[in-house]
Amino acid sequence: MEEGVLNGLLQSDVGELFNSTELIKDVSGAGNNWATGFHFYGSQYQEQIVDSIRKECELCDCLQSFFILHSMGGGTGSGLGSRTLSLIAENFPDVFRFVIPVYPSADDDVITSPYNTTLAMKQISQYGELCHACGKPVTHCNMSEARHCQSGQHQTYCHRG
């Protein structure tokens, strides 16, 4: 959502994993506030979000599931992420929703993280069908490994234990 963050991601070594024409950008994010992400940005961009997801789904021969990975500590990941999950559930009710919430670390300095996480978990429990929590930091290194898996350079699922 945050233009600067998305531009940095697209220019990184994992940028090729993302379809830049389907990204929804705004000048700023939700400011570590779940309600801003869920209610303000979720309502403002609802149609664009659903249209973008629908376009990508139309490219699939046999859509079986959504794999949703999002941060739980900040406002954009927790608020807009859980709003997106609810929109997917409403618009694609027969498609499985696998959710990977990335929880804040123990030394997180965002004061609203516990609240954001609690509010997002309510949405995940309501709209997610399978949830696997991720407490480890997700880094560009991990994403690079996923990119190699996607390109066929590794034959097995990449997972660091």
N, C-alpha and C. Protein backbone atom coordinates (compact mmCIF):
# COMPACT_ATOMS: atom_id res chain seq x y z
N MET A 1 0.83 -1.19 0.00
CA MET A 1 0.00 0.00 0.00
C MET A 1 0.87 1.25 0.00
N GLU A 2 1.88 1.32 0.90
CA GLU A 2 2.72 2.51 0.98
C GLU A 2 3.62 2.57 -0.25
N GLU A 3 3.50 3.65 -0.98
CA GLU A 3 4.19 3.78 -2.26
C GLU A 3 5.69 3.55 -2.15
N GLY A 4 6.33 4.15 -1.16
CA GLY A 4 7.77 3.99 -1.00
C GLY A 4 8.17 2.56 -0.72
N VAL A 5 7.41 1.88 0.13
CA VAL A 5 7.69 0.48 0.46
C VAL A 5 7.51 -0.40 -0.77
N LEU A 6 6.43 -0.20 -1.50
CA LEU A 6 6.18 -1.01 -2.70
C LEU A 6 7.23 -0.78 -3.77
N ASN A 7 7.65 0.46 -3.97
CA ASN A 7 8.69 0.75 -4.95
C ASN A 7 10.00 0.08 -4.57
N GLY A 8 10.34 0.12 -3.29
CA GLY A 8 11.54 -0.55 -2.81
C GLY A 8 11.47 -2.05 -3.02
N LEU A 9 10.30 -2.63 -2.78
CA LEU A 9 10.11 -4.06 -2.98
C LEU A 9 10.25 -4.44 -4.45
N LEU A 10 9.64 -3.66 -5.32
CA LEU A 10 9.71 -3.96 -6.76
C LEU A 10 11.13 -3.85 -7.31
N GLN A 11 11.94 -3.01 -6.70
CA GLN A 11 13.32 -2.84 -7.15
C GLN A 11 14.28 -3.82 -6.50
N SER A 12 13.81 -4.61 -5.56
CA SER A 12 14.66 -5.57 -4.86
C SER A 12 14.82 -6.85 -5.69
N ASP A 13 15.58 -7.78 -5.15
CA ASP A 13 15.81 -9.04 -5.86
C ASP A 13 14.57 -9.93 -5.91
N VAL A 14 13.53 -9.62 -5.18
CA VAL A 14 12.28 -10.39 -5.24
C VAL A 14 11.19 -9.64 -6.00
N GLY A 15 11.52 -8.50 -6.56
CA GLY A 15 10.53 -7.69 -7.25
C GLY A 15 9.83 -8.39 -8.39
N GLU A 16 10.52 -9.32 -9.02
CA GLU A 16 9.92 -10.03 -10.16
C GLU A 16 8.80 -10.99 -9.76
N LEU A 17 8.65 -11.24 -8.46
CA LEU A 17 7.56 -12.11 -7.99
C LEU A 17 6.20 -11.43 -8.04
N PHE A 18 6.21 -10.10 -8.19
CA PHE A 18 4.98 -9.33 -8.06
C PHE A 18 4.57 -8.69 -9.38
N ASN A 19 3.28 -8.70 -9.65
CA ASN A 19 2.72 -8.05 -10.82
C ASN A 19 2.45 -6.59 -10.44
N SER A 20 3.32 -5.71 -10.89
CA SER A 20 3.22 -4.30 -10.47
C SER A 20 1.94 -3.62 -10.93
N THR A 21 1.30 -4.15 -11.98
CA THR A 21 0.06 -3.52 -12.45
C THR A 21 -1.11 -3.80 -11.51
N GLU A 22 -0.97 -4.79 -10.65
CA GLU A 22 -2.05 -5.14 -9.73
C GLU A 22 -1.83 -4.60 -8.32
N LEU A 23 -0.74 -3.89 -8.10
CA LEU A 23 -0.48 -3.32 -6.77
C LEU A 23 -1.32 -2.07 -6.56
N ILE A 24 -1.83 -1.92 -5.37
CA ILE A 24 -2.64 -0.76 -5.01
C ILE A 24 -1.80 0.12 -4.10
N LYS A 25 -1.54 1.33 -4.55
CA LYS A 25 -0.62 2.22 -3.82
C LYS A 25 -1.34 3.43 -3.26
N ASP A 26 -0.78 3.92 -2.16
CA ASP A 26 -1.19 5.19 -1.58
C ASP A 26 0.06 5.84 -1.02
N VAL A 27 0.00 7.12 -0.77
CA VAL A 27 1.17 7.85 -0.29
C VAL A 27 1.62 7.34 1.07
N SER A 28 0.68 7.03 1.94
CA SER A 28 1.06 6.57 3.28
C SER A 28 0.30 5.31 3.65
N GLY A 29 0.74 4.69 4.72
CA GLY A 29 0.07 3.50 5.22
C GLY A 29 -0.91 3.86 6.33
N ALA A 30 -1.22 2.87 7.15
CA ALA A 30 -2.23 3.04 8.18
C ALA A 30 -1.67 3.55 9.50
N GLY A 31 -0.40 3.89 9.55
CA GLY A 31 0.17 4.50 10.75
C GLY A 31 0.07 3.65 12.00
N ASN A 32 0.32 2.34 11.86
CA ASN A 32 0.28 1.42 13.00
C ASN A 32 -1.08 1.38 13.69
N ASN A 33 -2.14 1.63 12.93
CA ASN A 33 -3.48 1.66 13.49
C ASN A 33 -4.38 0.69 12.70
N TRP A 34 -4.77 -0.41 13.35
CA TRP A 34 -5.59 -1.42 12.70
C TRP A 34 -6.86 -0.82 12.11
N ALA A 35 -7.53 0.03 12.86
CA ALA A 35 -8.81 0.61 12.42
C ALA A 35 -8.64 1.44 11.15
N THR A 36 -7.53 2.16 11.04
CA THR A 36 -7.27 2.94 9.82
C THR A 36 -7.11 2.02 8.62
N GLY A 37 -6.34 0.95 8.79
CA GLY A 37 -6.17 0.00 7.70
C GLY A 37 -7.46 -0.71 7.33
N PHE A 38 -8.18 -1.18 8.34
CA PHE A 38 -9.40 -1.96 8.10
C PHE A 38 -10.54 -1.10 7.58
N HIS A 39 -10.85 -0.04 8.30
CA HIS A 39 -12.03 0.77 7.97
C HIS A 39 -11.76 1.83 6.91
N PHE A 40 -10.70 2.62 7.07
CA PHE A 40 -10.46 3.72 6.14
C PHE A 40 -9.95 3.21 4.79
N TYR A 41 -8.77 2.56 4.80
CA TYR A 41 -8.21 2.08 3.53
C TYR A 41 -9.01 0.91 2.97
N GLY A 42 -9.52 0.06 3.86
CA GLY A 42 -10.33 -1.07 3.40
C GLY A 42 -11.58 -0.63 2.65
N SER A 43 -12.23 0.40 3.16
CA SER A 43 -13.42 0.94 2.48
C SER A 43 -13.06 1.73 1.24
N GLN A 44 -12.00 2.53 1.35
CA GLN A 44 -11.60 3.38 0.23
C GLN A 44 -11.15 2.57 -0.98
N TYR A 45 -10.48 1.45 -0.75
CA TYR A 45 -9.91 0.67 -1.85
C TYR A 45 -10.60 -0.68 -2.07
N GLN A 46 -11.75 -0.88 -1.46
CA GLN A 46 -12.44 -2.16 -1.53
C GLN A 46 -12.66 -2.64 -2.96
N GLU A 47 -13.21 -1.79 -3.81
CA GLU A 47 -13.47 -2.20 -5.19
C GLU A 47 -12.19 -2.52 -5.94
N GLN A 48 -11.15 -1.70 -5.75
CA GLN A 48 -9.87 -1.96 -6.42
C GLN A 48 -9.26 -3.27 -5.95
N ILE A 49 -9.36 -3.55 -4.66
CA ILE A 49 -8.81 -4.79 -4.11
C ILE A 49 -9.51 -5.99 -4.73
N VAL A 50 -10.83 -5.98 -4.72
CA VAL A 50 -11.60 -7.10 -5.27
C VAL A 50 -11.34 -7.24 -6.77
N ASP A 51 -11.30 -6.13 -7.51
CA ASP A 51 -11.03 -6.20 -8.95
C ASP A 51 -9.65 -6.76 -9.24
N SER A 52 -8.67 -6.34 -8.47
CA SER A 52 -7.30 -6.82 -8.65
C SER A 52 -7.22 -8.32 -8.38
N ILE A 53 -7.84 -8.78 -7.31
CA ILE A 53 -7.84 -10.20 -6.99
C ILE A 53 -8.58 -10.98 -8.06
N ARG A 54 -9.72 -10.46 -8.50
CA ARG A 54 -10.51 -11.14 -9.53
C ARG A 54 -9.72 -11.30 -10.83
N LYS A 55 -8.99 -10.25 -11.23
CA LYS A 55 -8.18 -10.32 -12.45
C LYS A 55 -7.14 -11.43 -12.36
N GLU A 56 -6.50 -11.52 -11.22
CA GLU A 56 -5.48 -12.57 -11.04
C GLU A 56 -6.13 -13.95 -11.02
N CYS A 57 -7.31 -14.06 -10.42
CA CYS A 57 -8.02 -15.34 -10.36
C CYS A 57 -8.45 -15.81 -11.75
N GLU A 58 -8.81 -14.86 -12.59
CA GLU A 58 -9.23 -15.21 -13.94
C GLU A 58 -8.11 -15.81 -14.77
N LEU A 59 -6.88 -15.61 -14.36
CA LEU A 59 -5.73 -16.18 -15.05
C LEU A 59 -5.48 -17.63 -14.65
N CYS A 60 -6.17 -18.09 -13.62
CA CYS A 60 -5.98 -19.45 -13.11
C CYS A 60 -6.87 -20.45 -13.85
N ASP A 61 -6.32 -21.63 -14.12
CA ASP A 61 -7.12 -22.69 -14.73
C ASP A 61 -8.01 -23.35 -13.69
N CYS A 62 -7.51 -23.49 -12.48
CA CYS A 62 -8.25 -24.18 -11.43
C CYS A 62 -7.88 -23.56 -10.08
N LEU A 63 -8.52 -22.48 -9.73
CA LEU A 63 -8.22 -21.79 -8.48
C LEU A 63 -8.66 -22.65 -7.31
N GLN A 64 -7.70 -23.01 -6.45
CA GLN A 64 -8.02 -23.88 -5.33
C GLN A 64 -7.90 -23.21 -3.98
N SER A 65 -7.04 -22.20 -3.88
CA SER A 65 -6.88 -21.57 -2.58
C SER A 65 -6.21 -20.21 -2.69
N PHE A 66 -6.34 -19.46 -1.63
CA PHE A 66 -5.61 -18.21 -1.46
C PHE A 66 -4.61 -18.44 -0.33
N PHE A 67 -3.41 -17.98 -0.54
CA PHE A 67 -2.35 -18.05 0.47
C PHE A 67 -2.07 -16.62 0.89
N ILE A 68 -2.44 -16.27 2.11
CA ILE A 68 -2.38 -14.89 2.56
C ILE A 68 -1.32 -14.76 3.65
N LEU A 69 -0.27 -14.01 3.36
CA LEU A 69 0.81 -13.76 4.29
C LEU A 69 0.79 -12.29 4.64
N HIS A 70 0.60 -11.96 5.90
CA HIS A 70 0.58 -10.54 6.26
C HIS A 70 1.05 -10.31 7.68
N SER A 71 1.57 -9.12 7.90
CA SER A 71 2.06 -8.69 9.20
C SER A 71 0.89 -8.41 10.13
N MET A 72 1.10 -8.67 11.40
CA MET A 72 0.04 -8.45 12.39
C MET A 72 0.29 -7.22 13.26
N GLY A 73 1.49 -6.68 13.27
CA GLY A 73 1.83 -5.62 14.21
C GLY A 73 1.44 -4.23 13.77
N GLY A 74 1.63 -3.91 12.51
CA GLY A 74 1.34 -2.57 12.02
C GLY A 74 -0.10 -2.42 11.58
N GLY A 75 -0.48 -1.25 11.19
CA GLY A 75 -1.87 -1.00 10.80
C GLY A 75 -2.24 -1.48 9.41
N THR A 76 -1.31 -1.37 8.46
CA THR A 76 -1.61 -1.79 7.10
C THR A 76 -1.71 -3.30 7.01
N GLY A 77 -0.72 -4.01 7.54
CA GLY A 77 -0.74 -5.47 7.49
C GLY A 77 -1.89 -6.07 8.28
N SER A 78 -2.08 -5.58 9.49
CA SER A 78 -3.14 -6.15 10.34
C SER A 78 -4.52 -5.69 9.90
N GLY A 79 -4.68 -4.40 9.66
CA GLY A 79 -6.00 -3.85 9.32
C GLY A 79 -6.41 -4.12 7.89
N LEU A 80 -5.63 -3.65 6.94
CA LEU A 80 -5.96 -3.86 5.53
C LEU A 80 -5.80 -5.32 5.16
N GLY A 81 -4.83 -6.00 5.79
CA GLY A 81 -4.65 -7.43 5.53
C GLY A 81 -5.87 -8.24 5.94
N SER A 82 -6.40 -7.97 7.13
CA SER A 82 -7.58 -8.72 7.56
C SER A 82 -8.84 -8.27 6.82
N ARG A 83 -8.89 -7.02 6.38
CA ARG A 83 -10.01 -6.57 5.54
C ARG A 83 -9.98 -7.28 4.19
N THR A 84 -8.79 -7.43 3.64
CA THR A 84 -8.64 -8.15 2.37
C THR A 84 -9.08 -9.60 2.53
N LEU A 85 -8.73 -10.23 3.65
CA LEU A 85 -9.17 -11.59 3.93
C LEU A 85 -10.69 -11.67 3.95
N SER A 86 -11.35 -10.71 4.59
CA SER A 86 -12.82 -10.73 4.65
C SER A 86 -13.42 -10.51 3.26
N LEU A 87 -12.79 -9.66 2.45
CA LEU A 87 -13.28 -9.44 1.08
C LEU A 87 -13.13 -10.70 0.23
N ILE A 88 -12.04 -11.42 0.43
CA ILE A 88 -11.85 -12.69 -0.30
C ILE A 88 -12.91 -13.68 0.11
N ALA A 89 -13.18 -13.77 1.41
CA ALA A 89 -14.21 -14.71 1.90
C ALA A 89 -15.58 -14.37 1.35
N GLU A 90 -15.89 -13.08 1.26
CA GLU A 90 -17.20 -12.67 0.75
C GLU A 90 -17.34 -12.87 -0.76
N ASN A 91 -16.28 -12.62 -1.50
CA ASN A 91 -16.35 -12.68 -2.96
C ASN A 91 -15.96 -14.02 -3.56
N PHE A 92 -15.24 -14.83 -2.80
CA PHE A 92 -14.81 -16.16 -3.27
C PHE A 92 -15.07 -17.17 -2.16
N PRO A 93 -16.33 -17.37 -1.76
CA PRO A 93 -16.63 -18.19 -0.58
C PRO A 93 -16.25 -19.66 -0.71
N ASP A 94 -16.14 -20.16 -1.93
CA ASP A 94 -15.83 -21.58 -2.13
C ASP A 94 -14.34 -21.86 -2.29
N VAL A 95 -13.52 -20.82 -2.20
CA VAL A 95 -12.08 -21.00 -2.36
C VAL A 95 -11.42 -20.98 -0.98
N PHE A 96 -10.59 -21.98 -0.73
CA PHE A 96 -9.92 -22.16 0.55
C PHE A 96 -9.00 -20.97 0.86
N ARG A 97 -8.97 -20.55 2.12
CA ARG A 97 -8.15 -19.41 2.55
C ARG A 97 -7.14 -19.87 3.60
N PHE A 98 -5.88 -19.96 3.20
CA PHE A 98 -4.78 -20.36 4.07
C PHE A 98 -4.07 -19.09 4.51
N VAL A 99 -4.04 -18.82 5.81
CA VAL A 99 -3.52 -17.56 6.33
C VAL A 99 -2.24 -17.79 7.12
N ILE A 100 -1.22 -17.00 6.81
CA ILE A 100 0.04 -17.01 7.56
C ILE A 100 0.21 -15.62 8.18
N PRO A 101 -0.21 -15.43 9.42
CA PRO A 101 0.03 -14.14 10.07
C PRO A 101 1.46 -14.09 10.62
N VAL A 102 2.15 -13.00 10.37
CA VAL A 102 3.51 -12.82 10.90
C VAL A 102 3.39 -11.93 12.14
N TYR A 103 3.64 -12.53 13.29
CA TYR A 103 3.45 -11.82 14.55
C TYR A 103 4.64 -10.92 14.86
N PRO A 104 4.40 -9.85 15.61
CA PRO A 104 5.49 -8.96 16.01
C PRO A 104 6.50 -9.70 16.89
N SER A 105 7.74 -9.28 16.82
CA SER A 105 8.77 -9.90 17.66
C SER A 105 8.63 -9.41 19.10
N ALA A 106 9.31 -10.07 19.99
CA ALA A 106 9.24 -9.72 21.41
C ALA A 106 9.80 -8.33 21.67
N ASP A 107 10.73 -7.88 20.83
CA ASP A 107 11.33 -6.56 21.04
C ASP A 107 10.72 -5.49 20.14
N ASP A 108 9.51 -5.74 19.67
CA ASP A 108 8.80 -4.78 18.81
C ASP A 108 8.57 -3.48 19.59
N ASP A 109 8.83 -2.35 18.93
CA ASP A 109 8.68 -1.06 19.62
C ASP A 109 7.39 -0.32 19.26
N VAL A 110 6.51 -0.97 18.52
CA VAL A 110 5.23 -0.35 18.15
C VAL A 110 4.24 -0.60 19.28
N ILE A 111 3.82 0.45 19.94
CA ILE A 111 2.98 0.34 21.14
C ILE A 111 1.61 -0.27 20.84
N THR A 112 1.13 -0.13 19.62
CA THR A 112 -0.20 -0.62 19.27
C THR A 112 -0.19 -2.06 18.75
N SER A 113 0.98 -2.68 18.64
CA SER A 113 1.07 -4.04 18.09
C SER A 113 0.15 -5.05 18.77
N PRO A 114 0.10 -5.09 20.11
CA PRO A 114 -0.80 -6.07 20.74
C PRO A 114 -2.27 -5.86 20.37
N TYR A 115 -2.68 -4.60 20.26
CA TYR A 115 -4.07 -4.31 19.89
C TYR A 115 -4.33 -4.68 18.43
N ASN A 116 -3.40 -4.29 17.56
CA ASN A 116 -3.54 -4.62 16.14
C ASN A 116 -3.63 -6.13 15.94
N THR A 117 -2.78 -6.86 16.66
CA THR A 117 -2.75 -8.32 16.54
C THR A 117 -4.07 -8.93 17.02
N THR A 118 -4.57 -8.46 18.13
CA THR A 118 -5.83 -8.98 18.68
C THR A 118 -7.00 -8.73 17.73
N LEU A 119 -7.08 -7.53 17.20
CA LEU A 119 -8.18 -7.20 16.29
C LEU A 119 -8.07 -7.98 14.98
N ALA A 120 -6.86 -8.16 14.48
CA ALA A 120 -6.68 -8.92 13.25
C ALA A 120 -6.99 -10.40 13.47
N MET A 121 -6.63 -10.93 14.64
CA MET A 121 -6.90 -12.35 14.91
C MET A 121 -8.40 -12.65 14.93
N LYS A 122 -9.20 -11.70 15.36
CA LYS A 122 -10.65 -11.91 15.32
C LYS A 122 -11.10 -12.13 13.88
N GLN A 123 -10.57 -11.33 12.96
CA GLN A 123 -10.93 -11.46 11.55
C GLN A 123 -10.40 -12.77 10.97
N ILE A 124 -9.19 -13.13 11.34
CA ILE A 124 -8.60 -14.38 10.84
C ILE A 124 -9.41 -15.57 11.33
N SER A 125 -9.82 -15.56 12.59
CA SER A 125 -10.61 -16.68 13.12
C SER A 125 -11.98 -16.75 12.47
N GLN A 126 -12.48 -15.63 12.00
CA GLN A 126 -13.79 -15.61 11.37
C GLN A 126 -13.71 -15.98 9.88
N TYR A 127 -12.67 -15.52 9.16
CA TYR A 127 -12.63 -15.68 7.71
C TYR A 127 -11.55 -16.62 7.19
N GLY A 128 -10.55 -16.94 8.00
CA GLY A 128 -9.51 -17.86 7.56
C GLY A 128 -9.94 -19.29 7.81
N GLU A 129 -9.55 -20.19 6.93
CA GLU A 129 -9.94 -21.58 7.12
C GLU A 129 -8.81 -22.41 7.72
N LEU A 130 -7.59 -22.01 7.48
CA LEU A 130 -6.44 -22.65 8.09
C LEU A 130 -5.43 -21.56 8.38
N CYS A 131 -4.93 -21.54 9.58
CA CYS A 131 -4.00 -20.50 9.98
C CYS A 131 -2.75 -21.14 10.55
N HIS A 132 -1.60 -20.73 10.07
CA HIS A 132 -0.32 -21.20 10.60
C HIS A 132 0.49 -19.98 10.99
N ALA A 133 0.73 -19.81 12.25
CA ALA A 133 1.42 -18.61 12.75
C ALA A 133 2.90 -18.65 12.42
N CYS A 134 3.42 -17.48 12.08
CA CYS A 134 4.84 -17.32 11.80
C CYS A 134 5.40 -16.32 12.78
N GLY A 135 6.26 -16.78 13.66
CA GLY A 135 6.87 -15.89 14.64
C GLY A 135 8.28 -15.49 14.26
N LYS A 136 8.85 -16.16 13.23
CA LYS A 136 10.21 -15.83 12.81
C LYS A 136 10.18 -14.64 11.88
N PRO A 137 11.21 -13.83 11.90
CA PRO A 137 11.26 -12.71 10.96
C PRO A 137 11.30 -13.20 9.52
N VAL A 138 10.48 -12.61 8.68
CA VAL A 138 10.50 -12.93 7.26
C VAL A 138 11.39 -11.90 6.60
N THR A 139 12.43 -12.37 5.95
CA THR A 139 13.41 -11.46 5.36
C THR A 139 13.44 -11.59 3.86
N HIS A 140 14.15 -10.67 3.22
CA HIS A 140 14.32 -10.77 1.78
C HIS A 140 15.08 -12.05 1.42
N CYS A 141 15.94 -12.51 2.32
CA CYS A 141 16.66 -13.76 2.08
C CYS A 141 15.68 -14.91 1.96
N ASN A 142 14.71 -14.98 2.88
CA ASN A 142 13.69 -16.02 2.80
C ASN A 142 12.89 -15.90 1.50
N MET A 143 12.56 -14.68 1.13
CA MET A 143 11.80 -14.45 -0.10
C MET A 143 12.62 -14.86 -1.33
N SER A 144 13.93 -14.62 -1.31
CA SER A 144 14.78 -15.02 -2.42
C SER A 144 14.76 -16.53 -2.58
N GLU A 145 14.77 -17.24 -1.46
CA GLU A 145 14.69 -18.69 -1.53
C GLU A 145 13.36 -19.13 -2.15
N ALA A 146 12.28 -18.47 -1.79
CA ALA A 146 10.98 -18.78 -2.35
C ALA A 146 10.98 -18.54 -3.86
N ARG A 147 11.67 -17.48 -4.29
CA ARG A 147 11.75 -17.17 -5.71
C ARG A 147 12.47 -18.29 -6.45
N HIS A 148 13.54 -18.83 -5.85
CA HIS A 148 14.27 -19.93 -6.48
C HIS A 148 13.39 -21.18 -6.56
N CYS A 149 12.58 -21.39 -5.55
CA CYS A 149 11.66 -22.54 -5.58
C CYS A 149 10.67 -22.38 -6.72
N GLN A 150 10.15 -21.18 -6.87
CA GLN A 150 9.16 -20.92 -7.90
C GLN A 150 9.76 -21.13 -9.29
N SER A 151 11.03 -20.75 -9.45
CA SER A 151 11.64 -20.85 -10.78
C SER A 151 12.12 -22.26 -11.08
N GLY A 152 11.97 -23.18 -10.12
CA GLY A 152 12.34 -24.57 -10.39
C GLY A 152 13.79 -24.88 -10.05
N GLN A 153 14.52 -23.95 -9.47
CA GLN A 153 15.92 -24.20 -9.14
C GLN A 153 16.04 -25.15 -7.95
N HIS A 154 15.02 -25.26 -7.14
CA HIS A 154 14.97 -26.22 -6.05
C HIS A 154 13.79 -27.14 -6.31
N GLN A 155 13.96 -28.41 -6.01
CA GLN A 155 12.89 -29.37 -6.26
C GLN A 155 11.94 -29.52 -5.07
N THR A 156 12.37 -29.08 -3.90
CA THR A 156 11.53 -29.25 -2.72
C THR A 156 11.13 -27.89 -2.15
N TYR A 157 10.18 -27.90 -1.28
CA TYR A 157 9.73 -26.69 -0.62
C TYR A 157 10.86 -26.13 0.22
N CYS A 158 11.14 -24.85 0.07
CA CYS A 158 12.20 -24.20 0.84
C CYS A 158 11.68 -23.85 2.22
N HIS A 159 12.35 -24.34 3.21
CA HIS A 159 11.97 -24.03 4.59
C HIS A 159 13.22 -24.04 5.45
N ARG A 160 13.45 -22.97 6.17
CA ARG A 160 14.55 -22.93 7.12
C ARG A 160 14.04 -23.33 8.49
N GLY A 161 14.64 -24.32 9.06
CA GLY A 161 14.21 -24.81 10.36
C GLY A 161 14.77 -24.06 11.51
